[in-house]
């Protein structure tokens, strides 16, 4: 445990150096690497690793940490910090339990984060023992070292007062020792004591977590008294009736989708007559359809679990669940196409691209769901967890701000109708993307024909350069900001006064979703 205390102190000091008063950047990766490494070493040394597969979570943890070095997306900067902490907790808990159970994982992860605080007295005792000599033969030496330490701490404030009085009393002494005094006062300022307090608090908390993991009688290490079970045991006829009715409704819906959506896209777009605006039709329902697919997953899991409660599997229930899974794929594809049609008309936003990610994730999850329906002898929630973590990690490396900007800029540049180009709304890009989008916005600046829009882009880029050119500490280094700085520096922009009169250009666009 002594090494665990030293490791906790090391991480606390490193945390202070990397994060205290700094913006997030390469610091997140530099902190995550030793944290993950020390956690894995500690778990192995204490013989706590029951599931080695849990340690693979270190890969998405480190990949998500690296996004603070490569990208600069405000949404992911916030969400990734939460995701990293959740994955760290999940890695520790999953490694220490016999089997992956989502209920156990969630419960023990909460206990690890909050429940560890009950071990503060134990933590303080361990810290005290870690910094005292181990053998009883060294008690006298230990006592002397302790007394010397107390003497040094007590002498610091007294020394500062005496030095201040001597410097003010004698000019020659002030010339010799004045600089030293200033340096001492610079070091022992308010920030120093705040750092010391923070290091102390974090060290205690880290030791509490270690104690919670190691202590055999802790809640984290106790086996659940009773495993969770569905215990549904609903009559098969009721379940099959419900599934049949739902599938008939989905069959009708899927037929309509094939007639309208798929026909419009692949066969004859002109076949939809009248003043039917397909983009407006597409706007109706992709969020609702996405929600329906999530409901379908719940129905499949619940009804299939009910089926497993029986002595013999009901084949009709399986068939109905498989049909429900197939209809879920059709509904997800329909929502996917609706979103695509809507984006062609109204442009690209963060939320619209995230709909694609969610729908694609759901479609991938259907594959193990069908296997679960047929065989049912594997942990479906573990599979879902792995898929969701993998997809979330991948989407972080899409560079979504740059993607949004590139698609909107290309959409503007590739339009042949000059009047349509004036409908381009720079408002969304200006207020909803970060430095990741700067190279694409520079491309727009170089290809824009509208003088008012070009002036607006010029002033935005000028403002961004004034932000990114500020000197930053090495802990805050970010490749996206550095790249934007280099690009904008070469442009040598100056601010241009705006002369807009009742400009409503951005009001023509629909960025409500």
Protein backbone atom coordinates (compact mmCIF):
# COMPACT_ATOMS: atom_id res chain seq x y z
CA UNK A 1 0.00 0.00 0.00
CA UNK A 2 2.98 2.28 0.52
CA UNK A 3 3.65 2.28 -3.23
CA UNK A 4 -0.03 3.01 -3.89
CA UNK A 5 0.21 6.07 -1.65
CA UNK A 6 3.35 7.27 -3.46
CA UNK A 7 1.62 6.70 -6.80
CA UNK A 8 -1.42 8.70 -5.63
CA UNK A 9 0.85 11.54 -4.51
CA UNK A 10 2.66 11.46 -7.86
CA UNK A 11 -0.63 11.65 -9.79
CA UNK A 12 -1.84 14.50 -7.55
CA UNK A 13 1.31 16.54 -8.18
CA UNK A 14 1.13 15.76 -11.91
CA UNK A 15 -2.54 16.84 -11.90
CA UNK A 16 -1.56 20.17 -10.33
CA UNK A 17 1.23 20.76 -12.87
CA UNK A 18 -0.90 19.87 -15.89
CA UNK A 19 -4.32 21.31 -15.04
CA UNK A 20 -4.10 24.04 -12.38
CA UNK A 21 -4.98 27.31 -14.13
CA UNK A 22 -4.49 25.75 -17.59
CA UNK A 23 -6.76 25.12 -20.57
CA UNK A 24 -7.15 21.50 -21.63
CA UNK A 25 -4.75 20.27 -24.30
CA UNK A 26 -1.96 17.72 -24.44
CA UNK A 27 -2.19 17.72 -20.63
CA UNK A 28 -5.16 15.31 -20.67
CA UNK A 29 -3.19 12.67 -22.56
CA UNK A 30 -0.09 13.20 -20.41
CA UNK A 31 -2.19 12.61 -17.29
CA UNK A 32 -4.22 9.68 -18.63
CA UNK A 33 -1.20 7.60 -19.69
CA UNK A 34 0.43 7.29 -16.22
CA UNK A 35 -3.00 7.04 -14.53
CA UNK A 36 -4.06 4.06 -16.65
CA UNK A 37 -0.61 2.49 -16.36
CA UNK A 38 -0.47 2.79 -12.55
CA UNK A 39 -4.07 1.52 -12.17
CA UNK A 40 -3.35 -1.59 -14.25
CA UNK A 41 -0.08 -2.25 -12.37
CA UNK A 42 -1.88 -1.85 -9.02
CA UNK A 43 -4.74 -4.17 -10.03
CA UNK A 44 -2.29 -6.84 -11.19
CA UNK A 45 -0.02 -6.55 -8.12
CA UNK A 46 -3.02 -6.90 -5.83
CA UNK A 47 -4.23 -9.89 -7.88
CA UNK A 48 -7.55 -8.17 -8.53
CA UNK A 49 -7.80 -8.78 -12.27
CA UNK A 50 -10.53 -11.36 -12.83
CA UNK A 51 -11.43 -10.17 -16.35
CA UNK A 52 -8.44 -9.26 -18.50
CA UNK A 53 -10.76 -8.07 -21.28
CA UNK A 54 -11.68 -5.09 -19.10
CA UNK A 55 -8.15 -3.74 -19.49
CA UNK A 56 -8.85 -3.19 -23.21
CA UNK A 57 -10.96 -0.21 -22.11
CA UNK A 58 -7.64 1.56 -21.65
CA UNK A 59 -7.54 1.90 -25.46
CA UNK A 60 -10.66 4.11 -25.81
CA UNK A 61 -9.63 5.98 -22.64
CA UNK A 62 -6.29 6.96 -24.17
CA UNK A 63 -7.80 7.63 -27.60
CA UNK A 64 -10.43 9.97 -26.09
CA UNK A 65 -7.68 11.66 -24.07
CA UNK A 66 -5.71 12.29 -27.26
CA UNK A 67 -8.63 14.23 -28.79
CA UNK A 68 -7.69 17.17 -26.54
CA UNK A 69 -4.38 17.26 -28.42
CA UNK A 70 -5.70 16.85 -31.97
CA UNK A 71 -9.13 18.53 -32.04
CA UNK A 72 -11.01 21.45 -30.53
CA UNK A 73 -14.72 20.66 -30.36
CA UNK A 74 -16.56 22.30 -27.44
CA UNK A 75 -19.17 19.54 -27.13
CA UNK A 76 -16.68 16.68 -27.07
CA UNK A 77 -14.30 18.61 -24.80
CA UNK A 78 -16.99 18.49 -22.12
CA UNK A 79 -18.54 15.07 -22.82
CA UNK A 80 -15.19 13.29 -23.26
CA UNK A 81 -14.06 14.31 -19.78
CA UNK A 82 -17.15 12.60 -18.36
CA UNK A 83 -16.73 9.63 -20.71
CA UNK A 84 -13.07 9.15 -19.69
CA UNK A 85 -13.97 9.10 -15.99
CA UNK A 86 -16.86 6.66 -16.61
CA UNK A 87 -14.63 4.34 -18.65
CA UNK A 88 -11.89 4.46 -15.99
CA UNK A 89 -14.43 3.44 -13.35
CA UNK A 90 -15.89 0.77 -15.65
CA UNK A 91 -12.42 -0.62 -16.38
CA UNK A 92 -11.60 -0.97 -12.67
CA UNK A 93 -14.96 -2.52 -11.74
CA UNK A 94 -15.18 -4.81 -14.76
CA UNK A 95 -11.65 -6.07 -14.08
CA UNK A 96 -12.52 -6.94 -10.48
CA UNK A 97 -15.86 -8.74 -11.00
CA UNK A 98 -16.38 -12.32 -12.15
CA UNK A 99 -18.69 -11.59 -15.08
CA UNK A 100 -19.92 -8.54 -16.98
CA UNK A 101 -23.34 -7.58 -15.61
CA UNK A 102 -24.54 -4.11 -16.52
CA UNK A 103 -26.44 -3.67 -13.24
CA UNK A 104 -23.39 -4.69 -11.16
CA UNK A 105 -21.09 -2.56 -13.29
CA UNK A 106 -23.20 0.58 -12.84
CA UNK A 107 -23.78 0.03 -9.13
CA UNK A 108 -20.15 -0.64 -8.29
CA UNK A 109 -18.89 2.19 -10.50
CA UNK A 110 -21.02 4.63 -8.47
CA UNK A 111 -19.70 3.04 -5.29
CA UNK A 112 -16.12 3.44 -6.53
CA UNK A 113 -16.58 7.16 -7.18
CA UNK A 114 -18.76 8.14 -4.20
CA UNK A 115 -18.57 5.22 -1.77
CA UNK A 116 -14.78 5.47 -1.55
CA UNK A 117 -15.19 8.65 0.54
CA UNK A 118 -16.16 6.53 3.57
CA UNK A 119 -12.54 5.40 3.73
CA UNK A 120 -11.08 8.86 4.38
CA UNK A 121 -9.94 7.89 7.93
CA UNK A 122 -8.30 4.73 6.56
CA UNK A 123 -6.71 6.80 3.78
CA UNK A 124 -5.21 9.27 6.25
CA UNK A 125 -3.81 6.39 8.30
CA UNK A 126 -2.21 4.80 5.21
CA UNK A 127 -0.67 8.12 4.14
CA UNK A 128 0.76 8.62 7.62
CA UNK A 129 2.24 5.12 7.68
CA UNK A 130 3.66 5.51 4.16
CA UNK A 131 5.80 8.48 5.18
CA UNK A 132 7.02 6.98 8.44
CA UNK A 133 9.88 4.51 8.64
CA UNK A 134 8.74 0.91 8.59
CA UNK A 135 10.88 -0.95 11.14
CA UNK A 136 10.43 -0.56 14.88
CA UNK A 137 14.25 -0.44 15.26
CA UNK A 138 14.21 2.92 13.52
CA UNK A 139 11.73 4.58 15.89
CA UNK A 140 14.29 7.05 17.25
CA UNK A 141 15.46 8.00 13.75
CA UNK A 142 11.84 8.25 12.65
CA UNK A 143 11.01 10.56 15.55
CA UNK A 144 13.96 12.83 14.74
CA UNK A 145 13.00 13.10 11.07
CA UNK A 146 9.46 13.96 12.09
CA UNK A 147 10.67 16.64 14.51
CA UNK A 148 13.01 18.12 11.88
CA UNK A 149 10.13 18.30 9.40
CA UNK A 150 7.91 20.08 11.93
CA UNK A 151 10.75 22.48 12.71
CA UNK A 152 11.24 23.34 9.03
CA UNK A 153 7.52 23.99 8.52
CA UNK A 154 7.33 26.19 11.63
CA UNK A 155 10.44 28.16 10.63
CA UNK A 156 9.14 29.19 7.18
CA UNK A 157 6.63 31.90 8.28
CA UNK A 158 9.04 33.11 11.01
CA UNK A 159 11.89 33.28 8.48
CA UNK A 160 9.79 35.35 6.06
CA UNK A 161 8.88 37.87 8.77
CA UNK A 162 12.52 38.23 9.92
CA UNK A 163 13.82 38.59 6.35
CA UNK A 164 11.23 41.28 5.61
CA UNK A 165 12.22 43.28 8.70
CA UNK A 166 15.98 42.95 8.02
CA UNK A 167 15.57 44.01 4.37
CA UNK A 168 13.59 47.09 5.35
CA UNK A 169 16.13 47.90 8.07
CA UNK A 170 19.35 47.72 6.05
CA UNK A 171 19.93 48.77 2.42
CA UNK A 172 23.06 46.67 1.86
CA UNK A 173 21.33 43.57 3.24
CA UNK A 174 18.35 44.40 1.00
CA UNK A 175 20.58 44.55 -2.10
CA UNK A 176 22.05 41.14 -1.28
CA UNK A 177 18.96 39.25 -0.16
CA UNK A 178 16.10 41.31 -1.59
CA UNK A 179 15.93 39.28 -4.79
CA UNK A 180 15.93 36.02 -2.84
CA UNK A 181 13.10 37.27 -0.65
CA UNK A 182 11.07 38.28 -3.69
CA UNK A 183 11.56 34.83 -5.20
CA UNK A 184 10.50 33.14 -1.96
CA UNK A 185 7.41 35.33 -1.75
CA UNK A 186 6.65 34.63 -5.41
CA UNK A 187 6.76 30.89 -4.74
CA UNK A 188 4.77 30.97 -1.50
CA UNK A 189 1.86 32.98 -2.86
CA UNK A 190 -1.86 32.19 -2.73
CA UNK A 191 -1.61 29.96 -5.79
CA UNK A 192 1.08 27.86 -4.10
CA UNK A 193 -1.05 27.17 -1.05
CA UNK A 194 -4.08 26.41 -3.24
CA UNK A 195 -1.98 23.91 -5.16
CA UNK A 196 -0.79 22.30 -1.91
CA UNK A 197 -4.36 22.01 -0.63
CA UNK A 198 -5.56 20.57 -3.95
CA UNK A 199 -2.69 18.06 -4.07
CA UNK A 200 -3.56 16.98 -0.53
CA UNK A 201 -7.27 16.53 -1.31
CA UNK A 202 -6.64 14.60 -4.54
CA UNK A 203 -4.02 12.38 -2.88
CA UNK A 204 -6.45 11.46 -0.10
CA UNK A 205 -9.21 10.75 -2.64
CA UNK A 206 -6.95 8.55 -4.80
CA UNK A 207 -5.85 6.57 -1.73
CA UNK A 208 -9.52 6.16 -0.75
CA UNK A 209 -10.22 4.63 -4.16
CA UNK A 210 -7.21 2.30 -3.87
CA UNK A 211 -8.34 1.23 -0.39
CA UNK A 212 -11.86 0.59 -1.69
CA UNK A 213 -10.43 -1.65 -4.42
CA UNK A 214 -8.01 -3.54 -2.14
CA UNK A 215 -9.97 -3.82 1.13
CA UNK A 216 -11.77 -7.19 1.11
CA UNK A 217 -14.68 -6.02 3.25
CA UNK A 218 -15.48 -2.94 1.14
CA UNK A 219 -18.83 -2.72 -0.67
CA UNK A 220 -16.97 -2.83 -3.98
CA UNK A 221 -15.55 -6.27 -3.20
CA UNK A 222 -18.71 -7.78 -1.72
CA UNK A 223 -20.71 -10.04 -3.99
CA UNK A 224 -24.28 -9.01 -4.70
CA UNK A 225 -26.63 -10.82 -2.35
CA UNK A 226 -29.10 -11.69 -5.11
CA UNK A 227 -28.48 -11.58 -8.87
CA UNK A 228 -30.85 -9.49 -10.93
CA UNK A 229 -33.53 -11.44 -12.82
CA UNK A 230 -36.35 -10.34 -15.04
CA UNK A 231 -38.92 -12.75 -13.52
CA UNK A 232 -41.49 -11.69 -16.11
CA UNK A 233 -43.19 -14.99 -16.87
CA UNK A 234 -45.90 -13.38 -18.96
CA UNK A 235 -48.17 -15.80 -20.79
CA UNK A 236 -46.76 -16.73 -24.22
CA UNK A 237 -50.06 -16.01 -25.95
CA UNK A 238 -50.10 -12.44 -24.62
CA UNK A 239 -46.48 -11.83 -25.68
CA UNK A 240 -47.00 -13.32 -29.15
CA UNK A 241 -50.20 -11.30 -29.66
CA UNK A 242 -48.41 -8.06 -28.80
CA UNK A 243 -45.48 -8.89 -31.09
CA UNK A 244 -47.81 -9.86 -33.96
CA UNK A 245 -49.78 -6.60 -33.76
CA UNK A 246 -46.60 -4.52 -33.60
CA UNK A 247 -45.09 -6.35 -36.56
CA UNK A 248 -48.25 -5.90 -38.66
CA UNK A 249 -48.08 -2.13 -38.01
CA UNK A 250 -44.38 -2.09 -38.92
CA UNK A 251 -45.10 -4.11 -42.06
CA UNK A 252 -47.56 -1.43 -43.22
CA UNK A 253 -45.12 1.34 -42.31
CA UNK A 254 -42.21 -0.38 -44.07
CA UNK A 255 -44.34 -0.83 -47.21
CA UNK A 256 -45.02 2.92 -47.28
CA UNK A 257 -41.31 3.62 -46.85
CA UNK A 258 -40.44 1.37 -49.78
CA UNK A 259 -43.12 2.98 -51.97
CA UNK A 260 -42.23 6.60 -51.18
CA UNK A 261 -38.70 6.94 -49.81
CA UNK A 262 -36.92 4.17 -51.73
CA UNK A 263 -38.85 4.83 -54.94
CA UNK A 264 -38.02 8.54 -54.72
CA UNK A 265 -34.34 7.90 -54.18
CA UNK A 266 -33.61 5.01 -56.52
CA UNK A 267 -36.35 4.65 -59.13
CA UNK A 268 -38.31 7.76 -60.12
CA UNK A 269 -37.94 10.95 -58.09
CA UNK A 270 -40.45 12.69 -60.34
CA UNK A 271 -43.14 10.09 -59.64
CA UNK A 272 -44.29 11.91 -56.49
CA UNK A 273 -46.75 14.31 -58.01
CA UNK A 274 -48.35 17.56 -56.96
CA UNK A 275 -46.79 20.15 -54.72
CA UNK A 276 -45.40 17.47 -52.41
CA UNK A 277 -42.09 18.82 -51.03
CA UNK A 278 -40.03 15.77 -50.21
CA UNK A 279 -37.53 17.66 -48.03
CA UNK A 280 -40.38 18.79 -45.81
CA UNK A 281 -41.68 15.23 -45.73
CA UNK A 282 -38.22 14.05 -44.76
CA UNK A 283 -38.19 16.56 -41.92
CA UNK A 284 -41.21 14.84 -40.37
CA UNK A 285 -40.00 12.12 -38.16
CA UNK A 286 -36.34 11.15 -38.20
CA UNK A 287 -36.11 11.82 -34.45
CA UNK A 288 -39.38 9.94 -33.84
CA UNK A 289 -38.16 7.02 -35.96
CA UNK A 290 -34.87 6.96 -34.09
CA UNK A 291 -36.78 6.82 -30.79
CA UNK A 292 -38.96 3.99 -32.14
CA UNK A 293 -35.87 1.92 -32.95
CA UNK A 294 -34.71 2.31 -29.34
CA UNK A 295 -38.14 1.13 -28.11
CA UNK A 296 -37.86 -1.88 -30.38
CA UNK A 297 -34.58 -2.89 -28.74
CA UNK A 298 -36.29 -2.83 -25.34
CA UNK A 299 -39.24 -4.90 -26.66
CA UNK A 300 -36.88 -7.50 -28.14
CA UNK A 301 -34.79 -7.81 -24.96
CA UNK A 302 -37.84 -8.02 -22.66
CA UNK A 303 -39.89 -10.48 -24.75
CA UNK A 304 -36.87 -12.63 -25.54
CA UNK A 305 -35.97 -12.76 -21.82
CA UNK A 306 -39.54 -13.78 -21.07
CA UNK A 307 -39.17 -16.54 -23.66
CA UNK A 308 -36.00 -17.80 -21.95
CA UNK A 309 -37.91 -18.13 -18.66
CA UNK A 310 -39.91 -20.97 -20.19
CA UNK A 311 -38.70 -24.55 -20.16
CA UNK A 312 -38.83 -24.66 -23.95
CA UNK A 313 -38.26 -21.73 -26.29
CA UNK A 314 -41.30 -20.62 -28.23
CA UNK A 315 -40.25 -20.61 -31.91
CA UNK A 316 -43.08 -18.24 -32.84
CA UNK A 317 -41.75 -15.67 -30.33
CA UNK A 318 -38.31 -15.98 -31.89
CA UNK A 319 -39.67 -15.47 -35.39
CA UNK A 320 -41.65 -12.40 -34.28
CA UNK A 321 -38.56 -10.94 -32.59
CA UNK A 322 -36.45 -11.54 -35.70
CA UNK A 323 -39.09 -9.80 -37.82
CA UNK A 324 -39.12 -6.93 -35.34
CA UNK A 325 -35.33 -6.68 -35.67
CA UNK A 326 -35.60 -6.61 -39.49
CA UNK A 327 -38.29 -3.92 -39.36
CA UNK A 328 -36.05 -1.96 -36.99
CA UNK A 329 -33.33 -1.97 -39.65
CA UNK A 330 -35.83 -0.73 -42.28
CA UNK A 331 -37.05 2.04 -39.95
CA UNK A 332 -33.46 3.06 -39.16
CA UNK A 333 -32.57 3.18 -42.88
CA UNK A 334 -35.72 5.24 -43.53
CA UNK A 335 -34.72 7.73 -40.83
CA UNK A 336 -31.19 7.76 -42.28
CA UNK A 337 -32.51 8.62 -45.77
CA UNK A 338 -34.91 11.25 -44.43
CA UNK A 339 -32.03 12.98 -42.72
CA UNK A 340 -29.96 12.83 -45.90
CA UNK A 341 -32.78 14.41 -47.92
CA UNK A 342 -33.30 17.09 -45.33
CA UNK A 343 -29.58 17.96 -45.23
CA UNK A 344 -29.49 18.38 -49.00
CA UNK A 345 -32.14 21.06 -48.66
CA UNK A 346 -31.12 22.81 -45.44
CA UNK A 347 -27.44 22.09 -44.84
CA UNK A 348 -25.39 20.24 -42.25
CA UNK A 349 -25.26 20.63 -38.46
CA UNK A 350 -23.71 18.81 -35.51
CA UNK A 351 -27.01 17.29 -34.37
CA UNK A 352 -27.90 16.11 -37.87
CA UNK A 353 -24.58 14.32 -38.29
CA UNK A 354 -24.95 12.77 -34.83
CA UNK A 355 -28.29 11.29 -35.94
CA UNK A 356 -26.33 9.34 -38.58
CA UNK A 357 -23.96 8.03 -35.92
CA UNK A 358 -26.79 6.90 -33.63
CA UNK A 359 -28.70 5.23 -36.46
CA UNK A 360 -25.56 3.47 -37.74
CA UNK A 361 -24.81 2.29 -34.20
CA UNK A 362 -28.35 0.89 -33.91
CA UNK A 363 -28.05 -0.94 -37.24
CA UNK A 364 -24.77 -2.53 -36.08
CA UNK A 365 -26.37 -3.50 -32.76
CA UNK A 366 -29.16 -5.34 -34.60
CA UNK A 367 -26.67 -8.00 -35.79
CA UNK A 368 -25.76 -9.34 -32.31
CA UNK A 369 -29.41 -8.85 -31.30
CA UNK A 370 -30.55 -11.34 -33.96
CA UNK A 371 -27.86 -13.79 -32.80
CA UNK A 372 -29.11 -13.26 -29.23
CA UNK A 373 -32.68 -14.04 -30.32
CA UNK A 374 -31.64 -17.25 -32.06
CA UNK A 375 -29.06 -18.58 -29.58
CA UNK A 376 -29.41 -16.39 -26.50
CA UNK A 377 -26.30 -17.75 -24.79
CA UNK A 378 -24.10 -14.67 -24.68
CA UNK A 379 -24.04 -11.37 -22.82
CA UNK A 380 -25.97 -8.98 -25.07
CA UNK A 381 -25.46 -5.99 -22.76
CA UNK A 382 -21.70 -6.47 -22.82
CA UNK A 383 -21.86 -6.52 -26.63
CA UNK A 384 -23.97 -3.34 -26.67
CA UNK A 385 -21.49 -1.67 -24.28
CA UNK A 386 -18.51 -2.53 -26.50
CA UNK A 387 -20.31 -1.33 -29.66
CA UNK A 388 -21.38 1.98 -28.09
CA UNK A 389 -17.90 2.69 -26.68
CA UNK A 390 -16.28 1.82 -30.02
CA UNK A 391 -18.67 4.00 -32.04
CA UNK A 392 -18.32 6.91 -29.62
CA UNK A 393 -14.54 6.72 -29.85
CA UNK A 394 -14.66 6.58 -33.66
CA UNK A 395 -16.96 9.60 -33.94
CA UNK A 396 -14.45 11.63 -31.93
CA UNK A 397 -11.91 11.12 -34.71
CA UNK A 398 -14.24 12.09 -37.54
CA UNK A 399 -13.34 15.72 -36.74
CA UNK A 400 -17.00 16.64 -36.85
CA UNK A 401 -16.60 20.45 -36.94
CA UNK A 402 -14.33 20.19 -39.96
CA UNK A 403 -16.78 17.75 -41.57
CA UNK A 404 -19.75 20.10 -41.03
CA UNK A 405 -17.81 23.05 -42.42
CA UNK A 406 -16.49 21.08 -45.42
CA UNK A 407 -19.93 19.79 -46.39
CA UNK A 408 -21.58 23.20 -46.07
CA UNK A 409 -18.76 25.00 -47.90
CA UNK A 410 -18.67 22.45 -50.74
CA UNK A 411 -22.44 22.66 -50.98
CA UNK A 412 -22.12 26.42 -51.45
CA UNK A 413 -19.20 26.33 -53.89
CA UNK A 414 -20.70 23.58 -56.08
CA UNK A 415 -24.00 25.41 -56.66
CA UNK A 416 -24.32 26.77 -60.17
CA UNK A 417 -27.06 29.25 -59.37
CA UNK A 418 -25.48 32.50 -58.16
CA UNK A 419 -28.67 33.63 -56.44
CA UNK A 420 -28.73 30.39 -54.46
CA UNK A 421 -25.24 31.11 -53.18
CA UNK A 422 -26.55 34.20 -51.41
CA UNK A 423 -28.70 31.92 -49.27
CA UNK A 424 -25.63 30.43 -47.64
CA UNK A 425 -25.75 31.02 -43.90
CA UNK A 426 -22.41 31.64 -42.26
CA UNK A 427 -24.12 32.21 -38.91
CA UNK A 428 -24.09 28.52 -37.90
CA UNK A 429 -20.43 27.99 -38.79
CA UNK A 430 -19.44 31.14 -36.94
CA UNK A 431 -21.13 30.32 -33.64
CA UNK A 432 -21.18 26.51 -33.61
CA UNK A 433 -17.77 25.37 -34.83
CA UNK A 434 -14.27 25.80 -33.43
CA UNK A 435 -10.76 25.99 -34.80
CA UNK A 436 -11.17 22.56 -36.45
CA UNK A 437 -13.33 24.27 -39.08
CA UNK A 438 -10.88 27.12 -39.83
CA UNK A 439 -9.20 25.49 -42.91
CA UNK A 440 -12.63 24.95 -44.53
CA UNK A 441 -13.79 28.47 -43.69
CA UNK A 442 -10.59 29.81 -45.27
CA UNK A 443 -11.51 27.79 -48.37
CA UNK A 444 -14.94 29.45 -48.33
CA UNK A 445 -13.29 32.88 -47.97
CA UNK A 446 -11.18 32.23 -51.06
CA UNK A 447 -14.20 31.15 -53.16
CA UNK A 448 -16.96 33.48 -52.01
CA UNK A 449 -18.39 36.03 -54.44
CA UNK A 450 -20.78 37.86 -52.09
CA UNK A 451 -18.86 40.91 -50.77
CA UNK A 452 -20.95 41.17 -47.59
CA UNK A 453 -20.40 37.51 -46.79
CA UNK A 454 -16.70 37.78 -47.55
CA UNK A 455 -16.43 40.75 -45.17
CA UNK A 456 -18.21 38.78 -42.47
CA UNK A 457 -15.88 35.80 -42.93
CA UNK A 458 -12.85 38.10 -42.92
CA UNK A 459 -13.82 39.60 -39.56
CA UNK A 460 -14.54 36.18 -38.07
CA UNK A 461 -11.13 34.85 -39.15
CA UNK A 462 -9.48 38.03 -37.84
CA UNK A 463 -11.18 37.51 -34.47
CA UNK A 464 -10.16 33.85 -34.38
CA UNK A 465 -6.54 34.72 -35.11
CA UNK A 466 -6.48 37.18 -32.20
CA UNK A 467 -7.65 34.33 -29.99
CA UNK A 468 -5.31 31.55 -31.16
CA UNK A 469 -2.20 33.76 -31.42
CA UNK A 470 -2.12 34.28 -27.65
CA UNK A 471 0.86 32.65 -25.97
CA UNK A 472 -0.09 29.40 -24.23
CA UNK A 473 1.71 27.14 -21.81
CA UNK A 474 3.00 23.78 -23.05
CA UNK A 475 0.27 21.99 -21.09
CA UNK A 476 -2.35 23.69 -23.30
CA UNK A 477 -0.80 22.70 -26.63
CA UNK A 478 -3.43 21.74 -29.21
CA UNK A 479 -2.70 20.83 -32.83
CA UNK A 480 -6.00 22.25 -34.12
CA UNK A 481 -5.31 25.67 -32.57
CA UNK A 482 -1.72 25.65 -33.78
CA UNK A 483 -2.78 24.77 -37.32
CA UNK A 484 -5.39 27.55 -37.32
CA UNK A 485 -2.77 29.98 -36.02
CA UNK A 486 -0.32 29.11 -38.80
CA UNK A 487 -2.96 29.38 -41.54
CA UNK A 488 -4.39 32.70 -40.33
CA UNK A 489 -0.97 34.22 -39.73
CA UNK A 490 -0.11 33.80 -43.43
CA UNK A 491 -3.36 35.54 -44.45
CA UNK A 492 -2.40 38.75 -42.60
CA UNK A 493 -6.05 39.85 -42.21
CA UNK A 494 -7.28 43.21 -40.96
CA UNK A 495 -10.68 44.05 -39.50
CA UNK A 496 -13.20 45.51 -41.98
CA UNK A 497 -16.10 47.63 -40.75
CA UNK A 498 -19.50 46.10 -41.47
CA UNK A 499 -22.16 48.07 -43.31
CA UNK A 500 -25.09 45.64 -43.18
CA UNK A 501 -28.59 47.04 -43.37
CA UNK A 502 -31.25 44.70 -42.05
CA UNK A 503 -29.39 41.62 -43.20
CA UNK A 504 -31.59 38.59 -42.72
CA UNK A 505 -29.48 36.12 -44.64
CA UNK A 506 -29.18 33.56 -41.86
CA UNK A 507 -32.92 33.64 -41.15
CA UNK A 508 -33.60 31.85 -44.45
CA UNK A 509 -31.87 28.74 -43.15
CA UNK A 510 -33.37 26.24 -40.77
CA UNK A 511 -30.79 25.25 -38.18
CA UNK A 512 -33.30 24.50 -35.43
CA UNK A 513 -32.42 20.82 -35.38
